[in-house]
Amino acid sequence: MSSIKTSRSAVSITPIKAFSDNYIWAIISNKTNSSKVALVDPGDADVCIDFLESNQLILNAILITHHHPDHTGGIQKLVAYCHKKQWPLTVYGPENEKIPHCDVKLAENNVVDLPTLNINFQVIDLPGHTAGHIAYFANDSVEPLLFCGDTLFSGGCGRLFEGTAEQMLTSLTKLANLPENTKVFCAHEYTQANLKFALSVE
């Protein structure tokens, strides 16, 4: 299991690759003997189930940033999988978007408390890519963590499908004001394409 170690943090973060360039993020407790995990934007249930089974992990939370199918497509099958296993599962998602099986609807400044992972997230509204896009920010003073969906990428930002450029600028400004040592977990691998575009502009 290839993890991104978050030193002195409560969790480890592991990418699960899906489709051609998606990242589904697995948030795993660093507690000894803990097997709980939360998934961020699981668009593909099959790769998630393979990951859970191969690492003997128990899924108990799903965090959704926005409604696009490559971020939500796995929810229904994962809900059924957890039901069959008799695992309690909570699905969190944006208040202003239609998310399948969403148990808790979230807006700016709401807090998602995940005691089994010993972590909590502040919700940040980030309209632009979609109208109701949100992010999850863990304000650990040592190593803050941000799950930003399709708003921010390495070398770029998300395409404007529903929001305006002004909204995206406001959203990116919010993220720019987070602590400089924030670890950013975006939902696609666009780095080379973004830098190629940036070079063409320059």
Foldseek 3Di string as FASTA:
>chain_A
DDWDDDPPDQWIWDWQDDDPWWTWIWTGGPDPPQQEIEIEQQLDQVSVVVVCVVSVHQYAEYEYFADDNSRQNNPVVVVVVCVVVVHHHAYEYDQPHDHPPHPHHDDAQDKADDVSSPFMWGKYAQAFLHRGGIKTWTPDVREIEIEREQADDQLDGHHGDHDDPVSSVVRVVVVVPRDPRYDYDYTTPCNVVNVVVVVVVD
